[in-house]
């Protein structure tokens, strides 16, 4: 896919890096000259200097052929504008906006943003994740698809520890996509990936299959009903 990332700060940088590792075509739009130079030096010539809120810049970036635009600047308003321009002027089918203020989530969705990610809500859910009875954390709901992006911690007693992903009996329509392992860079999950205790796994699954997926990866039985 061709994915445009608006904002070349820490979030944009690491997001672009992960997307490149998965084989996507990525272009980062960043207003700051030094940030843009750093990204180009470290990741290749993938950063274009410019304001992702401006239609002329988005046109130059080839937004008309983009499959997705992800706006991750520090400003909620800028992220909203970038997504709206991409969707309504360039017909980008999927837009994702980073939110600093979770109170803006409702208005963003009313204005047509496909997905929103609130840093504040993620931190709160990480706090809840520290409770042993909450090994599964919701990251976002994929609009109109009945699918969820979730994060699951592999517990030390999980039967998944030491197994290849190909050996796991995952629920239907569930896929493990990204591995977060302490001290290592994020990596795409493949069928020969071996899971370890305390790994954090990002997965996509149907809403009604979350408990079954949790049971496979955490070792805790699925809740009845």
C-alpha atoms as a PDB file:
ATOM      1  CA  UNK A   1       0.000   0.000   0.000  1.00  0.00           C
ATOM      2  CA  UNK A   2       0.974   3.615  -0.488  1.00  0.00           C
ATOM      3  CA  UNK A   3       0.664   5.293   2.913  1.00  0.00           C
ATOM      4  CA  UNK A   4       1.197   8.974   3.669  1.00  0.00           C
ATOM      5  CA  UNK A   5       2.209   9.885   7.226  1.00  0.00           C
ATOM      6  CA  UNK A   6       1.624  13.520   8.191  1.00  0.00           C
ATOM      7  CA  UNK A   7       4.033  14.494  10.951  1.00  0.00           C
ATOM      8  CA  UNK A   8       7.655  13.441  11.287  1.00  0.00           C
ATOM      9  CA  UNK A   9       8.044  13.581  15.052  1.00  0.00           C
ATOM     10  CA  UNK A  10       8.784  10.517  17.161  1.00  0.00           C
ATOM     11  CA  UNK A  11       5.410   8.903  16.448  1.00  0.00           C
ATOM     12  CA  UNK A  12       5.641   9.552  12.711  1.00  0.00           C
ATOM     13  CA  UNK A  13       9.250   8.435  12.533  1.00  0.00           C
ATOM     14  CA  UNK A  14       8.721   5.076  14.218  1.00  0.00           C
ATOM     15  CA  UNK A  15       5.430   4.504  12.416  1.00  0.00           C
ATOM     16  CA  UNK A  16       7.107   5.094   9.055  1.00  0.00           C
ATOM     17  CA  UNK A  17       9.956   2.809  10.034  1.00  0.00           C
ATOM     18  CA  UNK A  18       7.590  -0.016  10.957  1.00  0.00           C
ATOM     19  CA  UNK A  19       5.523   0.414   7.781  1.00  0.00           C
ATOM     20  CA  UNK A  20       8.652   0.324   5.634  1.00  0.00           C
ATOM     21  CA  UNK A  21       9.739  -2.883   7.352  1.00  0.00           C
ATOM     22  CA  UNK A  22       6.404  -4.422   6.353  1.00  0.00           C
ATOM     23  CA  UNK A  23       7.040  -3.565   2.708  1.00  0.00           C
ATOM     24  CA  UNK A  24       4.716  -0.586   2.284  1.00  0.00           C
ATOM     25  CA  UNK A  25       5.486   2.484   0.201  1.00  0.00           C
ATOM     26  CA  UNK A  26       5.655   5.357   2.669  1.00  0.00           C
ATOM     27  CA  UNK A  27       5.911   9.131   2.368  1.00  0.00           C
ATOM     28  CA  UNK A  28       6.260  11.357   5.423  1.00  0.00           C
ATOM     29  CA  UNK A  29       5.171  15.006   5.286  1.00  0.00           C
ATOM     30  CA  UNK A  30       6.999  17.187   7.799  1.00  0.00           C
ATOM     31  CA  UNK A  31       7.221  20.993   8.051  1.00  0.00           C
ATOM     32  CA  UNK A  32      10.438  21.082  10.089  1.00  0.00           C
ATOM     33  CA  UNK A  33      13.586  21.063   7.932  1.00  0.00           C
ATOM     34  CA  UNK A  34      15.827  19.311  10.467  1.00  0.00           C
ATOM     35  CA  UNK A  35      13.300  16.559  11.167  1.00  0.00           C
ATOM     36  CA  UNK A  36      12.841  15.985   7.465  1.00  0.00           C
ATOM     37  CA  UNK A  37      16.605  15.723   6.915  1.00  0.00           C
ATOM     38  CA  UNK A  38      16.955  13.261   9.802  1.00  0.00           C
ATOM     39  CA  UNK A  39      14.254  10.981   8.442  1.00  0.00           C
ATOM     40  CA  UNK A  40      15.770  11.021   4.962  1.00  0.00           C
ATOM     41  CA  UNK A  41      19.231  10.252   6.349  1.00  0.00           C
ATOM     42  CA  UNK A  42      18.035   7.352   8.486  1.00  0.00           C
ATOM     43  CA  UNK A  43      15.173   5.843   6.499  1.00  0.00           C
ATOM     44  CA  UNK A  44      15.969   6.854   2.928  1.00  0.00           C
ATOM     45  CA  UNK A  45      14.426   9.598   0.824  1.00  0.00           C
ATOM     46  CA  UNK A  46      10.897   9.150   2.118  1.00  0.00           C
ATOM     47  CA  UNK A  47      10.277  12.544   3.723  1.00  0.00           C
ATOM     48  CA  UNK A  48       8.950  15.581   1.895  1.00  0.00           C
ATOM     49  CA  UNK A  49       9.076  18.978   3.547  1.00  0.00           C
ATOM     50  CA  UNK A  50       5.665  20.620   3.661  1.00  0.00           C
ATOM     51  CA  UNK A  51       2.432  21.179   5.547  1.00  0.00           C
ATOM     52  CA  UNK A  52       0.168  18.147   5.307  1.00  0.00           C
ATOM     53  CA  UNK A  53      -2.872  20.374   5.827  1.00  0.00           C
ATOM     54  CA  UNK A  54      -2.351  22.155   2.502  1.00  0.00           C
ATOM     55  CA  UNK A  55      -4.062  20.745  -0.562  1.00  0.00           C
ATOM     56  CA  UNK A  56      -1.188  21.778  -2.846  1.00  0.00           C
ATOM     57  CA  UNK A  57       1.331  19.855  -0.726  1.00  0.00           C
ATOM     58  CA  UNK A  58      -0.923  16.799  -0.577  1.00  0.00           C
ATOM     59  CA  UNK A  59      -1.329  16.918  -4.344  1.00  0.00           C
ATOM     60  CA  UNK A  60       2.441  17.075  -4.813  1.00  0.00           C
ATOM     61  CA  UNK A  61       2.785  14.123  -2.453  1.00  0.00           C
ATOM     62  CA  UNK A  62       0.576  12.007  -4.714  1.00  0.00           C
ATOM     63  CA  UNK A  63      -2.306  11.784  -2.265  1.00  0.00           C
ATOM     64  CA  UNK A  64      -4.652  10.969  -5.126  1.00  0.00           C
ATOM     65  CA  UNK A  65      -3.137   7.494  -5.368  1.00  0.00           C
ATOM     66  CA  UNK A  66      -2.667   6.939  -1.612  1.00  0.00           C
ATOM     67  CA  UNK A  67      -4.412   3.985   0.025  1.00  0.00           C
ATOM     68  CA  UNK A  68      -4.215   5.537   3.474  1.00  0.00           C
ATOM     69  CA  UNK A  69      -3.273   8.777   5.208  1.00  0.00           C
ATOM     70  CA  UNK A  70      -2.250   8.804   8.868  1.00  0.00           C
ATOM     71  CA  UNK A  71      -1.959  12.175  10.609  1.00  0.00           C
ATOM     72  CA  UNK A  72       0.161  12.056  13.764  1.00  0.00           C
ATOM     73  CA  UNK A  73       1.235  15.646  14.421  1.00  0.00           C
ATOM     74  CA  UNK A  74       1.033  17.098  17.933  1.00  0.00           C
ATOM     75  CA  UNK A  75      -1.980  19.214  16.953  1.00  0.00           C
ATOM     76  CA  UNK A  76      -5.441  17.665  16.874  1.00  0.00           C
ATOM     77  CA  UNK A  77      -6.732  20.384  14.554  1.00  0.00           C
ATOM     78  CA  UNK A  78      -3.927  19.818  12.050  1.00  0.00           C
ATOM     79  CA  UNK A  79      -4.591  16.083  12.079  1.00  0.00           C
ATOM     80  CA  UNK A  80      -8.293  16.657  11.477  1.00  0.00           C
ATOM     81  CA  UNK A  81      -7.677  19.048   8.570  1.00  0.00           C
ATOM     82  CA  UNK A  82      -5.107  16.754   6.923  1.00  0.00           C
ATOM     83  CA  UNK A  83      -7.496  13.793   7.080  1.00  0.00           C
ATOM     84  CA  UNK A  84     -10.460  15.784   5.816  1.00  0.00           C
ATOM     85  CA  UNK A  85      -8.551  17.239   2.864  1.00  0.00           C
ATOM     86  CA  UNK A  86      -7.211  13.790   1.980  1.00  0.00           C
ATOM     87  CA  UNK A  87     -10.654  12.204   2.130  1.00  0.00           C
ATOM     88  CA  UNK A  88     -12.785  14.874   0.487  1.00  0.00           C
ATOM     89  CA  UNK A  89     -10.380  16.326  -2.088  1.00  0.00           C
ATOM     90  CA  UNK A  90      -8.309  13.254  -2.954  1.00  0.00           C
ATOM     91  CA  UNK A  91     -10.742  10.412  -2.150  1.00  0.00           C
ATOM     92  CA  UNK A  92      -8.340   8.590   0.161  1.00  0.00           C
ATOM     93  CA  UNK A  93     -10.335   5.605   1.392  1.00  0.00           C
ATOM     94  CA  UNK A  94      -8.801   5.295   4.874  1.00  0.00           C
ATOM     95  CA  UNK A  95      -7.753   8.108   7.201  1.00  0.00           C
ATOM     96  CA  UNK A  96      -6.387   7.769  10.730  1.00  0.00           C
ATOM     97  CA  UNK A  97      -5.855  10.675  13.120  1.00  0.00           C
ATOM     98  CA  UNK A  98      -3.853  10.875  16.320  1.00  0.00           C
ATOM     99  CA  UNK A  99      -5.651  12.624  19.186  1.00  0.00           C
ATOM    100  CA  UNK A 100      -3.999  14.409  22.077  1.00  0.00           C
ATOM    101  CA  UNK A 101      -7.337  15.314  23.643  1.00  0.00           C
ATOM    102  CA  UNK A 102      -9.712  12.306  23.822  1.00  0.00           C
ATOM    103  CA  UNK A 103     -12.663  14.707  24.071  1.00  0.00           C
ATOM    104  CA  UNK A 104     -12.175  15.411  20.360  1.00  0.00           C
ATOM    105  CA  UNK A 105     -12.877  11.806  19.364  1.00  0.00           C
ATOM    106  CA  UNK A 106     -16.621  12.240  18.883  1.00  0.00           C
ATOM    107  CA  UNK A 107     -16.342  15.291  16.643  1.00  0.00           C
ATOM    108  CA  UNK A 108     -13.565  13.668  14.610  1.00  0.00           C
ATOM    109  CA  UNK A 109     -15.753  10.653  13.887  1.00  0.00           C
ATOM    110  CA  UNK A 110     -18.743  12.848  13.042  1.00  0.00           C
ATOM    111  CA  UNK A 111     -16.556  14.660  10.511  1.00  0.00           C
ATOM    112  CA  UNK A 112     -15.716  11.412   8.740  1.00  0.00           C
ATOM    113  CA  UNK A 113     -12.318  10.378  10.123  1.00  0.00           C
ATOM    114  CA  UNK A 114     -12.205   6.582   9.796  1.00  0.00           C
ATOM    115  CA  UNK A 115     -10.096   5.846  12.865  1.00  0.00           C
ATOM    116  CA  UNK A 116      -8.825   7.877  15.798  1.00  0.00           C
ATOM    117  CA  UNK A 117      -6.089   6.931  18.252  1.00  0.00           C
ATOM    118  CA  UNK A 118      -5.980   8.757  21.591  1.00  0.00           C
ATOM    119  CA  UNK A 119      -2.638   8.703  23.394  1.00  0.00           C
ATOM    120  CA  UNK A 120      -4.377   9.495  26.676  1.00  0.00           C
ATOM    121  CA  UNK A 121      -6.789   6.583  26.359  1.00  0.00           C
ATOM    122  CA  UNK A 122      -3.961   4.239  25.421  1.00  0.00           C
ATOM    123  CA  UNK A 123      -2.056   5.198  28.580  1.00  0.00           C
ATOM    124  CA  UNK A 124      -5.154   4.613  30.696  1.00  0.00           C
ATOM    125  CA  UNK A 125      -5.661   1.206  29.118  1.00  0.00           C
ATOM    126  CA  UNK A 126      -1.993   0.358  29.712  1.00  0.00           C
ATOM    127  CA  UNK A 127      -2.574   1.080  33.393  1.00  0.00           C
ATOM    128  CA  UNK A 128      -5.540  -1.298  33.353  1.00  0.00           C
ATOM    129  CA  UNK A 129      -3.373  -3.860  31.581  1.00  0.00           C
ATOM    130  CA  UNK A 130      -1.111  -4.050  34.637  1.00  0.00           C
ATOM    131  CA  UNK A 131      -3.961  -5.833  36.424  1.00  0.00           C
ATOM    132  CA  UNK A 132      -3.373  -9.587  35.814  1.00  0.00           C
ATOM    133  CA  UNK A 133      -7.036 -10.144  34.904  1.00  0.00           C
ATOM    134  CA  UNK A 134      -6.740  -7.792  31.919  1.00  0.00           C
ATOM    135  CA  UNK A 135      -4.223  -9.356  29.486  1.00  0.00           C
ATOM    136  CA  UNK A 136      -6.057  -7.969  26.444  1.00  0.00           C
ATOM    137  CA  UNK A 137      -6.174  -4.254  25.654  1.00  0.00           C
ATOM    138  CA  UNK A 138      -8.333  -2.623  22.983  1.00  0.00           C
ATOM    139  CA  UNK A 139      -6.411  -0.227  20.739  1.00  0.00           C
ATOM    140  CA  UNK A 140      -9.046   0.746  18.198  1.00  0.00           C
ATOM    141  CA  UNK A 141     -12.149  -0.455  16.423  1.00  0.00           C
ATOM    142  CA  UNK A 142     -11.888  -0.735  12.652  1.00  0.00           C
ATOM    143  CA  UNK A 143     -14.905   1.174  11.448  1.00  0.00           C
ATOM    144  CA  UNK A 144     -17.742  -0.729   9.779  1.00  0.00           C
ATOM    145  CA  UNK A 145     -15.815  -3.997   9.697  1.00  0.00           C
ATOM    146  CA  UNK A 146     -16.611  -5.583  13.084  1.00  0.00           C
ATOM    147  CA  UNK A 147     -12.854  -5.923  13.572  1.00  0.00           C
ATOM    148  CA  UNK A 148     -10.696  -4.749  16.466  1.00  0.00           C
ATOM    149  CA  UNK A 149      -7.010  -3.980  16.849  1.00  0.00           C
ATOM    150  CA  UNK A 150      -5.939  -5.363  20.219  1.00  0.00           C
ATOM    151  CA  UNK A 151      -2.754  -5.823  22.197  1.00  0.00           C
ATOM    152  CA  UNK A 152      -2.178  -9.021  24.155  1.00  0.00           C
ATOM    153  CA  UNK A 153       0.602  -9.759  26.607  1.00  0.00           C
ATOM    154  CA  UNK A 154       2.000 -13.297  26.495  1.00  0.00           C
ATOM    155  CA  UNK A 155       1.996 -14.504  30.099  1.00  0.00           C
ATOM    156  CA  UNK A 156       4.741 -16.738  31.456  1.00  0.00           C
ATOM    157  CA  UNK A 157       2.317 -19.613  31.863  1.00  0.00           C
ATOM    158  CA  UNK A 158       0.849 -19.326  28.388  1.00  0.00           C
ATOM    159  CA  UNK A 159       0.888 -22.451  26.200  1.00  0.00           C
ATOM    160  CA  UNK A 160       1.908 -20.156  23.324  1.00  0.00           C
ATOM    161  CA  UNK A 161       5.367 -19.581  24.820  1.00  0.00           C
ATOM    162  CA  UNK A 162       8.065 -21.238  22.704  1.00  0.00           C
ATOM    163  CA  UNK A 163       5.726 -21.987  19.802  1.00  0.00           C
ATOM    164  CA  UNK A 164       5.828 -20.836  16.207  1.00  0.00           C
ATOM    165  CA  UNK A 165       2.874 -18.684  15.233  1.00  0.00           C
ATOM    166  CA  UNK A 166       2.006 -21.271  12.578  1.00  0.00           C
ATOM    167  CA  UNK A 167       1.402 -23.814  15.359  1.00  0.00           C
ATOM    168  CA  UNK A 168      -1.191 -21.693  17.157  1.00  0.00           C
ATOM    169  CA  UNK A 169      -4.879 -22.410  16.637  1.00  0.00           C
ATOM    170  CA  UNK A 170      -6.056 -18.853  16.195  1.00  0.00           C
ATOM    171  CA  UNK A 171      -9.763 -18.026  15.964  1.00  0.00           C
ATOM    172  CA  UNK A 172     -11.213 -17.503  12.457  1.00  0.00           C
ATOM    173  CA  UNK A 173     -10.389 -14.149  10.844  1.00  0.00           C
ATOM    174  CA  UNK A 174      -7.733 -13.391  13.463  1.00  0.00           C
ATOM    175  CA  UNK A 175      -4.197 -12.342  12.549  1.00  0.00           C
ATOM    176  CA  UNK A 176      -1.088 -11.505  14.596  1.00  0.00           C
ATOM    177  CA  UNK A 177       0.590  -8.505  12.982  1.00  0.00           C
ATOM    178  CA  UNK A 178       3.266  -6.897  15.191  1.00  0.00           C
ATOM    179  CA  UNK A 179       5.578  -8.115  17.957  1.00  0.00           C
ATOM    180  CA  UNK A 180       6.788  -5.800  20.716  1.00  0.00           C
ATOM    181  CA  UNK A 181       9.607  -7.442  22.679  1.00  0.00           C
ATOM    182  CA  UNK A 182      11.509  -5.689  25.447  1.00  0.00           C
ATOM    183  CA  UNK A 183      14.851  -4.334  24.327  1.00  0.00           C
ATOM    184  CA  UNK A 184      14.174  -4.974  20.657  1.00  0.00           C
ATOM    185  CA  UNK A 185      12.683  -3.033  17.790  1.00  0.00           C
ATOM    186  CA  UNK A 186       9.068  -3.739  16.775  1.00  0.00           C
ATOM    187  CA  UNK A 187       8.917  -6.475  14.169  1.00  0.00           C
ATOM    188  CA  UNK A 188       6.301  -7.849  11.833  1.00  0.00           C
ATOM    189  CA  UNK A 189       5.019 -11.255  12.908  1.00  0.00           C
ATOM    190  CA  UNK A 190       5.561 -14.109  10.473  1.00  0.00           C
ATOM    191  CA  UNK A 191       4.483 -17.729  10.562  1.00  0.00           C
ATOM    192  CA  UNK A 192       7.940 -18.758  11.845  1.00  0.00           C
ATOM    193  CA  UNK A 193       7.974 -16.164  14.654  1.00  0.00           C
ATOM    194  CA  UNK A 194       8.495 -17.847  18.042  1.00  0.00           C
ATOM    195  CA  UNK A 195       6.650 -16.219  20.935  1.00  0.00           C
ATOM    196  CA  UNK A 196       8.300 -15.601  24.291  1.00  0.00           C
ATOM    197  CA  UNK A 197       6.985 -14.824  27.757  1.00  0.00           C
ATOM    198  CA  UNK A 198       6.181 -11.127  28.275  1.00  0.00           C
ATOM    199  CA  UNK A 199       5.969 -10.446  24.536  1.00  0.00           C
ATOM    200  CA  UNK A 200       3.310  -7.944  23.565  1.00  0.00           C
ATOM    201  CA  UNK A 201       1.446  -8.835  20.395  1.00  0.00           C
ATOM    202  CA  UNK A 202      -0.717  -6.573  18.260  1.00  0.00           C
ATOM    203  CA  UNK A 203      -3.492  -8.532  16.590  1.00  0.00           C
ATOM    204  CA  UNK A 204      -6.559  -7.965  14.435  1.00  0.00           C
ATOM    205  CA  UNK A 205      -9.620 -10.031  15.267  1.00  0.00           C
ATOM    206  CA  UNK A 206     -13.395  -9.978  15.085  1.00  0.00           C
ATOM    207  CA  UNK A 207     -15.098  -8.386  18.066  1.00  0.00           C
ATOM    208  CA  UNK A 208     -16.787 -11.652  19.006  1.00  0.00           C
ATOM    209  CA  UNK A 209     -13.506 -13.594  18.814  1.00  0.00           C
ATOM    210  CA  UNK A 210     -11.513 -11.511  21.303  1.00  0.00           C
ATOM    211  CA  UNK A 211     -12.027 -13.900  24.210  1.00  0.00           C
ATOM    212  CA  UNK A 212     -11.006 -16.886  22.111  1.00  0.00           C
ATOM    213  CA  UNK A 213      -7.866 -15.090  20.952  1.00  0.00           C
ATOM    214  CA  UNK A 214      -7.057 -14.085  24.513  1.00  0.00           C
ATOM    215  CA  UNK A 215      -7.377 -17.692  25.603  1.00  0.00           C
ATOM    216  CA  UNK A 216      -4.938 -18.889  22.901  1.00  0.00           C
ATOM    217  CA  UNK A 217      -2.265 -16.290  23.654  1.00  0.00           C
ATOM    218  CA  UNK A 218      -2.566 -15.595  27.379  1.00  0.00           C
ATOM    219  CA  UNK A 219      -3.403 -19.066  28.568  1.00  0.00           C
ATOM    220  CA  UNK A 220      -6.459 -17.822  30.436  1.00  0.00           C
ATOM    221  CA  UNK A 221      -9.726 -19.589  29.584  1.00  0.00           C
ATOM    222  CA  UNK A 222     -12.285 -17.720  27.550  1.00  0.00           C
ATOM    223  CA  UNK A 223     -15.133 -16.269  29.558  1.00  0.00           C
ATOM    224  CA  UNK A 224     -18.481 -17.928  29.144  1.00  0.00           C
ATOM    225  CA  UNK A 225     -21.224 -16.044  27.375  1.00  0.00           C
END
